[in-house]
Amino acid sequence: MSVLRRLSDWRKELLPSLSPRTLQTNYLPLCGAVSHTFFTVHIFTPQLLARAFPKCDLAVSNTLLLTSHLGIGFYVYHRPHLNHLPPWTRVEYSVFASLIFNFGSLLLTVLVRTLFPQQTSAFLKMIFGIALSGFVLSRGHKYMSHIDSRTGPAIDKTS
């Protein structure tokens, strides 16, 4: 029974009821993380996206990157260590952090991809892309949590 309770609590924490606030603090960052993962997989195995969307694979690829930027940006914007700043300063820092994170991840992905032999299976590349994205996202979350822990409790001015 305690396992079911923990799963239920985890679901409520990860997917709270929908409101304008939870859309910005939970669902958009979650969409950004999923898009980051799909984009990383796309870098490792571009033929998958071309096969799924033969006529508009470039548009889908760019949409994944844009959604990743938005999700990471909203994630950073609503971090407690930025709560005391004016809204436009938070936007500025969020955009910068999102650009650095996403393009740094992209650079890492492209560099790691070159280490794979050409005959490596697409499935193996896809699994590695998912793992790499998960690792990078988890390190970003850990870093943001560390910064938040070093700043005192702050009141969110956007509520």
N, C-alpha and C. Protein backbone atom coordinates (compact mmCIF):
# COMPACT_ATOMS: atom_id res chain seq x y z
N MET A 1 0.82 -1.19 0.00
CA MET A 1 0.00 0.00 0.00
C MET A 1 0.86 1.26 0.00
N SER A 2 1.98 1.21 0.72
CA SER A 2 2.82 2.40 0.77
C SER A 2 3.45 2.70 -0.58
N VAL A 3 3.66 1.67 -1.41
CA VAL A 3 4.21 1.90 -2.74
C VAL A 3 3.21 2.67 -3.59
N LEU A 4 1.94 2.27 -3.51
CA LEU A 4 0.90 2.99 -4.25
C LEU A 4 0.76 4.42 -3.76
N ARG A 5 0.87 4.62 -2.47
CA ARG A 5 0.78 5.98 -1.92
C ARG A 5 1.95 6.84 -2.41
N ARG A 6 3.14 6.25 -2.42
CA ARG A 6 4.31 6.99 -2.91
C ARG A 6 4.18 7.32 -4.39
N LEU A 7 3.68 6.38 -5.17
CA LEU A 7 3.45 6.65 -6.59
C LEU A 7 2.42 7.75 -6.78
N SER A 8 1.37 7.72 -5.99
CA SER A 8 0.34 8.75 -6.07
C SER A 8 0.90 10.12 -5.69
N ASP A 9 1.69 10.16 -4.62
CA ASP A 9 2.30 11.42 -4.20
C ASP A 9 3.27 11.93 -5.26
N TRP A 10 4.02 11.02 -5.86
CA TRP A 10 4.96 11.41 -6.90
C TRP A 10 4.22 11.97 -8.11
N ARG A 11 3.10 11.34 -8.49
CA ARG A 11 2.30 11.83 -9.61
C ARG A 11 1.72 13.20 -9.32
N LYS A 12 1.23 13.41 -8.09
CA LYS A 12 0.67 14.71 -7.73
C LYS A 12 1.74 15.80 -7.73
N GLU A 13 2.95 15.43 -7.34
CA GLU A 13 4.04 16.41 -7.35
C GLU A 13 4.48 16.73 -8.77
N LEU A 14 4.58 15.71 -9.60
CA LEU A 14 5.03 15.91 -10.97
C LEU A 14 3.94 16.50 -11.86
N LEU A 15 2.71 16.07 -11.66
CA LEU A 15 1.59 16.52 -12.49
C LEU A 15 0.46 17.08 -11.63
N PRO A 16 0.65 18.29 -11.09
CA PRO A 16 -0.42 18.87 -10.26
C PRO A 16 -1.60 19.29 -11.14
N SER A 17 -2.70 19.64 -10.49
CA SER A 17 -3.88 20.05 -11.25
C SER A 17 -3.54 21.28 -12.09
N LEU A 18 -4.16 21.37 -13.25
CA LEU A 18 -3.82 22.40 -14.22
C LEU A 18 -4.37 23.76 -13.82
N SER A 19 -3.50 24.75 -13.80
CA SER A 19 -3.85 26.14 -13.57
C SER A 19 -2.84 26.97 -14.34
N PRO A 20 -3.08 28.28 -14.50
CA PRO A 20 -2.06 29.09 -15.20
C PRO A 20 -0.68 29.01 -14.54
N ARG A 21 -0.67 28.93 -13.23
CA ARG A 21 0.60 28.86 -12.50
C ARG A 21 1.31 27.52 -12.74
N THR A 22 0.58 26.41 -12.61
CA THR A 22 1.22 25.11 -12.81
C THR A 22 1.58 24.88 -14.28
N LEU A 23 0.86 25.54 -15.19
CA LEU A 23 1.23 25.45 -16.60
C LEU A 23 2.64 26.01 -16.80
N GLN A 24 2.92 27.15 -16.15
CA GLN A 24 4.24 27.78 -16.29
C GLN A 24 5.32 27.09 -15.48
N THR A 25 4.98 26.59 -14.31
CA THR A 25 6.01 26.04 -13.42
C THR A 25 6.23 24.54 -13.58
N ASN A 26 5.25 23.82 -14.11
CA ASN A 26 5.38 22.36 -14.22
C ASN A 26 5.29 21.86 -15.65
N TYR A 27 4.21 22.21 -16.34
CA TYR A 27 3.93 21.57 -17.62
C TYR A 27 4.81 22.09 -18.76
N LEU A 28 5.06 23.40 -18.84
CA LEU A 28 5.96 23.91 -19.88
C LEU A 28 7.39 23.42 -19.67
N PRO A 29 7.93 23.45 -18.44
CA PRO A 29 9.26 22.86 -18.26
C PRO A 29 9.31 21.36 -18.59
N LEU A 30 8.24 20.64 -18.26
CA LEU A 30 8.19 19.22 -18.59
C LEU A 30 8.19 19.02 -20.11
N CYS A 31 7.41 19.83 -20.83
CA CYS A 31 7.42 19.76 -22.30
C CYS A 31 8.80 20.11 -22.85
N GLY A 32 9.46 21.08 -22.21
CA GLY A 32 10.81 21.44 -22.63
C GLY A 32 11.79 20.30 -22.44
N ALA A 33 11.67 19.58 -21.33
CA ALA A 33 12.56 18.45 -21.08
C ALA A 33 12.31 17.33 -22.08
N VAL A 34 11.05 17.06 -22.38
CA VAL A 34 10.72 16.03 -23.37
C VAL A 34 11.24 16.44 -24.75
N SER A 35 11.07 17.71 -25.10
CA SER A 35 11.57 18.20 -26.39
C SER A 35 13.09 18.13 -26.45
N HIS A 36 13.75 18.45 -25.34
CA HIS A 36 15.21 18.35 -25.28
C HIS A 36 15.64 16.91 -25.56
N THR A 37 14.93 15.96 -24.97
CA THR A 37 15.26 14.55 -25.18
C THR A 37 15.02 14.14 -26.63
N PHE A 38 13.88 14.53 -27.19
CA PHE A 38 13.60 14.19 -28.59
C PHE A 38 14.62 14.84 -29.53
N PHE A 39 15.01 16.08 -29.24
CA PHE A 39 15.98 16.75 -30.10
C PHE A 39 17.35 16.06 -30.01
N THR A 40 17.73 15.64 -28.80
CA THR A 40 18.99 14.92 -28.64
C THR A 40 18.96 13.61 -29.42
N VAL A 41 17.85 12.90 -29.34
CA VAL A 41 17.70 11.66 -30.11
C VAL A 41 17.77 11.97 -31.60
N HIS A 42 17.17 13.08 -32.01
CA HIS A 42 17.22 13.49 -33.43
C HIS A 42 18.66 13.74 -33.89
N ILE A 43 19.47 14.32 -33.04
CA ILE A 43 20.87 14.57 -33.42
C ILE A 43 21.60 13.24 -33.61
N PHE A 44 21.33 12.26 -32.76
CA PHE A 44 21.98 10.95 -32.88
C PHE A 44 21.44 10.15 -34.06
N THR A 45 20.13 10.22 -34.30
CA THR A 45 19.51 9.43 -35.37
C THR A 45 18.56 10.31 -36.18
N PRO A 46 19.10 11.16 -37.06
CA PRO A 46 18.24 12.07 -37.83
C PRO A 46 17.27 11.35 -38.77
N GLN A 47 17.59 10.12 -39.14
CA GLN A 47 16.71 9.40 -40.06
C GLN A 47 15.36 9.08 -39.43
N LEU A 48 15.28 8.99 -38.11
CA LEU A 48 13.99 8.70 -37.46
C LEU A 48 12.99 9.81 -37.69
N LEU A 49 13.43 11.05 -37.52
CA LEU A 49 12.53 12.19 -37.71
C LEU A 49 12.17 12.33 -39.19
N ALA A 50 13.14 12.11 -40.07
CA ALA A 50 12.87 12.19 -41.51
C ALA A 50 11.89 11.10 -41.94
N ARG A 51 11.94 9.95 -41.29
CA ARG A 51 11.02 8.87 -41.61
C ARG A 51 9.61 9.17 -41.08
N ALA A 52 9.54 9.77 -39.90
CA ALA A 52 8.24 10.06 -39.29
C ALA A 52 7.56 11.26 -39.95
N PHE A 53 8.35 12.26 -40.34
CA PHE A 53 7.82 13.48 -40.96
C PHE A 53 8.61 13.75 -42.24
N PRO A 54 8.31 13.04 -43.32
CA PRO A 54 9.15 13.12 -44.52
C PRO A 54 9.20 14.50 -45.17
N LYS A 55 8.12 15.27 -45.10
CA LYS A 55 8.09 16.55 -45.81
C LYS A 55 8.48 17.73 -44.93
N CYS A 56 8.39 17.57 -43.61
CA CYS A 56 8.62 18.74 -42.74
C CYS A 56 9.52 18.40 -41.56
N ASP A 57 10.51 17.54 -41.79
CA ASP A 57 11.38 17.14 -40.68
C ASP A 57 12.19 18.31 -40.13
N LEU A 58 12.57 19.26 -40.98
CA LEU A 58 13.32 20.43 -40.50
C LEU A 58 12.43 21.30 -39.61
N ALA A 59 11.18 21.48 -39.99
CA ALA A 59 10.25 22.27 -39.17
C ALA A 59 10.02 21.60 -37.82
N VAL A 60 9.87 20.29 -37.81
CA VAL A 60 9.67 19.56 -36.56
C VAL A 60 10.92 19.66 -35.69
N SER A 61 12.08 19.54 -36.30
CA SER A 61 13.34 19.65 -35.57
C SER A 61 13.47 21.03 -34.92
N ASN A 62 13.19 22.07 -35.68
CA ASN A 62 13.26 23.43 -35.13
C ASN A 62 12.21 23.67 -34.06
N THR A 63 11.04 23.07 -34.20
CA THR A 63 10.00 23.19 -33.18
C THR A 63 10.43 22.51 -31.89
N LEU A 64 11.07 21.37 -32.00
CA LEU A 64 11.59 20.69 -30.80
C LEU A 64 12.61 21.57 -30.08
N LEU A 65 13.51 22.19 -30.84
CA LEU A 65 14.52 23.05 -30.24
C LEU A 65 13.87 24.27 -29.59
N LEU A 66 12.91 24.89 -30.27
CA LEU A 66 12.21 26.05 -29.71
C LEU A 66 11.46 25.68 -28.43
N THR A 67 10.77 24.55 -28.44
CA THR A 67 10.04 24.11 -27.26
C THR A 67 10.99 23.81 -26.11
N SER A 68 12.14 23.27 -26.42
CA SER A 68 13.14 23.03 -25.39
C SER A 68 13.60 24.36 -24.79
N HIS A 69 13.83 25.36 -25.63
CA HIS A 69 14.22 26.68 -25.13
C HIS A 69 13.14 27.26 -24.22
N LEU A 70 11.89 27.18 -24.65
CA LEU A 70 10.79 27.73 -23.84
C LEU A 70 10.67 26.99 -22.51
N GLY A 71 10.72 25.68 -22.55
CA GLY A 71 10.58 24.91 -21.31
C GLY A 71 11.69 25.18 -20.32
N ILE A 72 12.93 25.19 -20.79
CA ILE A 72 14.06 25.47 -19.90
C ILE A 72 13.97 26.91 -19.41
N GLY A 73 13.56 27.82 -20.28
CA GLY A 73 13.42 29.22 -19.88
C GLY A 73 12.39 29.41 -18.78
N PHE A 74 11.23 28.78 -18.92
CA PHE A 74 10.22 28.87 -17.87
C PHE A 74 10.69 28.21 -16.58
N TYR A 75 11.44 27.12 -16.71
CA TYR A 75 11.98 26.45 -15.53
C TYR A 75 12.91 27.39 -14.76
N VAL A 76 13.80 28.05 -15.47
CA VAL A 76 14.74 28.97 -14.81
C VAL A 76 14.01 30.19 -14.27
N TYR A 77 13.06 30.72 -15.03
CA TYR A 77 12.33 31.93 -14.61
C TYR A 77 11.66 31.74 -13.25
N HIS A 78 11.14 30.57 -12.99
CA HIS A 78 10.40 30.33 -11.75
C HIS A 78 11.24 29.71 -10.64
N ARG A 79 12.55 29.75 -10.76
CA ARG A 79 13.40 29.24 -9.69
C ARG A 79 13.40 30.22 -8.52
N PRO A 80 13.42 29.70 -7.30
CA PRO A 80 13.36 30.58 -6.12
C PRO A 80 14.50 31.59 -6.01
N HIS A 81 15.67 31.27 -6.51
CA HIS A 81 16.77 32.23 -6.36
C HIS A 81 16.59 33.47 -7.23
N LEU A 82 15.66 33.45 -8.16
CA LEU A 82 15.39 34.63 -9.00
C LEU A 82 14.14 35.39 -8.56
N ASN A 83 13.44 34.92 -7.55
CA ASN A 83 12.16 35.51 -7.17
C ASN A 83 12.25 36.97 -6.76
N HIS A 84 13.37 37.40 -6.21
CA HIS A 84 13.49 38.77 -5.72
C HIS A 84 13.80 39.78 -6.84
N LEU A 85 14.06 39.29 -8.05
CA LEU A 85 14.43 40.17 -9.15
C LEU A 85 13.20 40.69 -9.89
N PRO A 86 13.32 41.85 -10.55
CA PRO A 86 12.21 42.34 -11.38
C PRO A 86 11.95 41.37 -12.54
N PRO A 87 10.71 41.34 -13.03
CA PRO A 87 10.34 40.37 -14.07
C PRO A 87 11.23 40.40 -15.32
N TRP A 88 11.57 41.58 -15.83
CA TRP A 88 12.37 41.62 -17.06
C TRP A 88 13.79 41.13 -16.84
N THR A 89 14.33 41.32 -15.65
CA THR A 89 15.65 40.78 -15.34
C THR A 89 15.57 39.25 -15.29
N ARG A 90 14.50 38.73 -14.73
CA ARG A 90 14.30 37.28 -14.70
C ARG A 90 14.19 36.72 -16.12
N VAL A 91 13.47 37.44 -16.99
CA VAL A 91 13.35 37.01 -18.38
C VAL A 91 14.73 36.99 -19.04
N GLU A 92 15.48 38.05 -18.81
CA GLU A 92 16.83 38.15 -19.39
C GLU A 92 17.71 36.97 -18.94
N TYR A 93 17.73 36.70 -17.66
CA TYR A 93 18.54 35.60 -17.13
C TYR A 93 18.02 34.25 -17.61
N SER A 94 16.70 34.11 -17.72
CA SER A 94 16.12 32.85 -18.16
C SER A 94 16.45 32.57 -19.62
N VAL A 95 16.35 33.58 -20.45
CA VAL A 95 16.69 33.41 -21.87
C VAL A 95 18.16 33.04 -22.02
N PHE A 96 19.01 33.75 -21.29
CA PHE A 96 20.44 33.45 -21.36
C PHE A 96 20.73 32.02 -20.89
N ALA A 97 20.17 31.64 -19.76
CA ALA A 97 20.41 30.29 -19.23
C ALA A 97 19.88 29.22 -20.18
N SER A 98 18.73 29.47 -20.78
CA SER A 98 18.15 28.51 -21.71
C SER A 98 19.03 28.35 -22.95
N LEU A 99 19.51 29.47 -23.48
CA LEU A 99 20.39 29.41 -24.65
C LEU A 99 21.68 28.67 -24.34
N ILE A 100 22.30 29.01 -23.22
CA ILE A 100 23.56 28.36 -22.84
C ILE A 100 23.34 26.86 -22.61
N PHE A 101 22.28 26.51 -21.90
CA PHE A 101 22.01 25.10 -21.61
C PHE A 101 21.73 24.32 -22.89
N ASN A 102 20.81 24.82 -23.72
CA ASN A 102 20.42 24.07 -24.90
C ASN A 102 21.53 23.97 -25.94
N PHE A 103 22.22 25.07 -26.19
CA PHE A 103 23.28 25.01 -27.19
C PHE A 103 24.53 24.30 -26.65
N GLY A 104 24.75 24.37 -25.34
CA GLY A 104 25.82 23.57 -24.74
C GLY A 104 25.51 22.08 -24.86
N SER A 105 24.25 21.72 -24.61
CA SER A 105 23.83 20.32 -24.77
C SER A 105 23.97 19.88 -26.22
N LEU A 106 23.59 20.77 -27.13
CA LEU A 106 23.69 20.46 -28.56
C LEU A 106 25.14 20.23 -28.95
N LEU A 107 26.04 21.08 -28.48
CA LEU A 107 27.46 20.92 -28.78
C LEU A 107 27.98 19.60 -28.21
N LEU A 108 27.63 19.30 -26.97
CA LEU A 108 28.05 18.04 -26.36
C LEU A 108 27.52 16.85 -27.16
N THR A 109 26.27 16.91 -27.56
CA THR A 109 25.66 15.82 -28.32
C THR A 109 26.36 15.60 -29.65
N VAL A 110 26.65 16.69 -30.35
CA VAL A 110 27.33 16.57 -31.64
C VAL A 110 28.73 16.00 -31.47
N LEU A 111 29.43 16.44 -30.43
CA LEU A 111 30.78 15.92 -30.18
C LEU A 111 30.76 14.44 -29.80
N VAL A 112 29.81 14.05 -28.96
CA VAL A 112 29.71 12.64 -28.55
C VAL A 112 29.28 11.77 -29.73
N ARG A 113 28.41 12.28 -30.58
CA ARG A 113 27.93 11.51 -31.73
C ARG A 113 29.08 11.10 -32.65
N THR A 114 30.08 11.96 -32.76
CA THR A 114 31.21 11.63 -33.64
C THR A 114 32.03 10.45 -33.13
N LEU A 115 31.87 10.10 -31.86
CA LEU A 115 32.61 8.98 -31.29
C LEU A 115 32.02 7.62 -31.68
N PHE A 116 30.77 7.63 -32.15
CA PHE A 116 30.11 6.38 -32.52
C PHE A 116 30.54 5.97 -33.93
N PRO A 117 30.84 4.68 -34.13
CA PRO A 117 31.11 4.20 -35.49
C PRO A 117 29.85 4.34 -36.35
N GLN A 118 30.04 4.49 -37.65
CA GLN A 118 28.91 4.71 -38.56
C GLN A 118 27.93 3.53 -38.58
N GLN A 119 28.43 2.32 -38.37
CA GLN A 119 27.55 1.15 -38.45
C GLN A 119 26.79 0.88 -37.15
N THR A 120 26.90 1.76 -36.16
CA THR A 120 26.16 1.58 -34.91
C THR A 120 24.66 1.62 -35.19
N SER A 121 23.92 0.73 -34.57
CA SER A 121 22.48 0.65 -34.84
C SER A 121 21.76 1.91 -34.35
N ALA A 122 20.68 2.24 -35.06
CA ALA A 122 19.89 3.42 -34.71
C ALA A 122 19.28 3.26 -33.32
N PHE A 123 18.90 2.04 -32.96
CA PHE A 123 18.31 1.80 -31.65
C PHE A 123 19.31 2.12 -30.54
N LEU A 124 20.53 1.69 -30.69
CA LEU A 124 21.57 1.96 -29.69
C LEU A 124 21.84 3.46 -29.58
N LYS A 125 21.90 4.14 -30.72
CA LYS A 125 22.09 5.60 -30.71
C LYS A 125 20.92 6.30 -30.03
N MET A 126 19.71 5.82 -30.29
CA MET A 126 18.53 6.42 -29.67
C MET A 126 18.57 6.25 -28.16
N ILE A 127 18.90 5.08 -27.68
CA ILE A 127 19.00 4.83 -26.24
C ILE A 127 20.08 5.71 -25.63
N PHE A 128 21.21 5.83 -26.30
CA PHE A 128 22.28 6.68 -25.77
C PHE A 128 21.86 8.15 -25.77
N GLY A 129 21.12 8.59 -26.79
CA GLY A 129 20.63 9.96 -26.82
C GLY A 129 19.68 10.26 -25.68
N ILE A 130 18.79 9.32 -25.38
CA ILE A 130 17.87 9.48 -24.25
C ILE A 130 18.65 9.56 -22.95
N ALA A 131 19.63 8.67 -22.80
CA ALA A 131 20.44 8.67 -21.57
C ALA A 131 21.25 9.95 -21.43
N LEU A 132 21.83 10.42 -22.52
CA LEU A 132 22.62 11.65 -22.47
C LEU A 132 21.75 12.85 -22.12
N SER A 133 20.58 12.94 -22.72
CA SER A 133 19.66 14.03 -22.41
C SER A 133 19.22 13.97 -20.95
N GLY A 134 18.88 12.78 -20.48
CA GLY A 134 18.49 12.63 -19.08
C GLY A 134 19.59 13.04 -18.14
N PHE A 135 20.83 12.66 -18.48
CA PHE A 135 21.97 13.04 -17.65
C PHE A 135 22.16 14.55 -17.61
N VAL A 136 22.14 15.19 -18.77
CA VAL A 136 22.35 16.64 -18.83
C VAL A 136 21.22 17.37 -18.11
N LEU A 137 19.98 16.93 -18.32
CA LEU A 137 18.85 17.57 -17.63
C LEU A 137 18.94 17.39 -16.12
N SER A 138 19.35 16.22 -15.68
CA SER A 138 19.46 15.98 -14.24
C SER A 138 20.57 16.83 -13.62
N ARG A 139 21.68 17.01 -14.35
CA ARG A 139 22.76 17.86 -13.83
C ARG A 139 22.31 19.33 -13.79
N GLY A 140 21.54 19.76 -14.77
CA GLY A 140 21.00 21.12 -14.75
C GLY A 140 20.06 21.33 -13.58
N HIS A 141 19.21 20.34 -13.32
CA HIS A 141 18.28 20.43 -12.19
C HIS A 141 19.05 20.45 -10.87
N LYS A 142 20.06 19.61 -10.77
CA LYS A 142 20.86 19.56 -9.54
C LYS A 142 21.57 20.89 -9.31
N TYR A 143 22.09 21.49 -10.37
CA TYR A 143 22.78 22.77 -10.25
C TYR A 143 21.81 23.87 -9.81
N MET A 144 20.64 23.92 -10.42
CA MET A 144 19.65 24.93 -10.04
C MET A 144 19.19 24.73 -8.60
N SER A 145 19.01 23.50 -8.19
CA SER A 145 18.62 23.23 -6.80
C SER A 145 19.71 23.67 -5.83
N HIS A 146 20.96 23.48 -6.21
CA HIS A 146 22.07 23.93 -5.37
C HIS A 146 22.06 25.45 -5.22
N ILE A 147 21.87 26.15 -6.33
CA ILE A 147 21.81 27.62 -6.26
C ILE A 147 20.63 28.06 -5.41
N ASP A 148 19.48 27.41 -5.59
CA ASP A 148 18.30 27.75 -4.79
C ASP A 148 18.56 27.53 -3.31
N SER A 149 19.28 26.48 -2.96
CA SER A 149 19.53 26.17 -1.55
C SER A 149 20.48 27.18 -0.92
N ARG A 150 21.30 27.83 -1.71
CA ARG A 150 22.25 28.81 -1.18
C ARG A 150 21.61 30.18 -0.97
N THR A 151 20.47 30.39 -1.56
CA THR A 151 19.75 31.64 -1.34
C THR A 151 18.64 31.38 -0.34
N GLY A 152 18.33 32.37 0.44
CA GLY A 152 17.28 32.22 1.44
C GLY A 152 15.92 32.11 0.79
N PRO A 153 14.93 31.81 1.60
CA PRO A 153 13.57 31.75 1.05
C PRO A 153 13.16 33.12 0.52
N ALA A 154 12.55 33.12 -0.63
CA ALA A 154 12.12 34.37 -1.26
C ALA A 154 10.66 34.26 -1.64
N ILE A 155 10.02 35.38 -1.72
CA ILE A 155 8.61 35.43 -2.10
C ILE A 155 8.54 35.63 -3.60
N ASP A 156 7.75 34.80 -4.27
CA ASP A 156 7.59 34.89 -5.71
C ASP A 156 6.71 36.09 -6.03
N LYS A 157 7.24 37.05 -6.79
CA LYS A 157 6.50 38.26 -7.13
C LYS A 157 5.57 38.07 -8.32
N THR A 158 5.62 36.91 -8.98
CA THR A 158 4.77 36.70 -10.15
C THR A 158 3.42 36.11 -9.79
N SER A 159 3.22 35.69 -8.58
CA SER A 159 1.95 35.06 -8.19
C SER A 159 0.85 36.08 -8.08
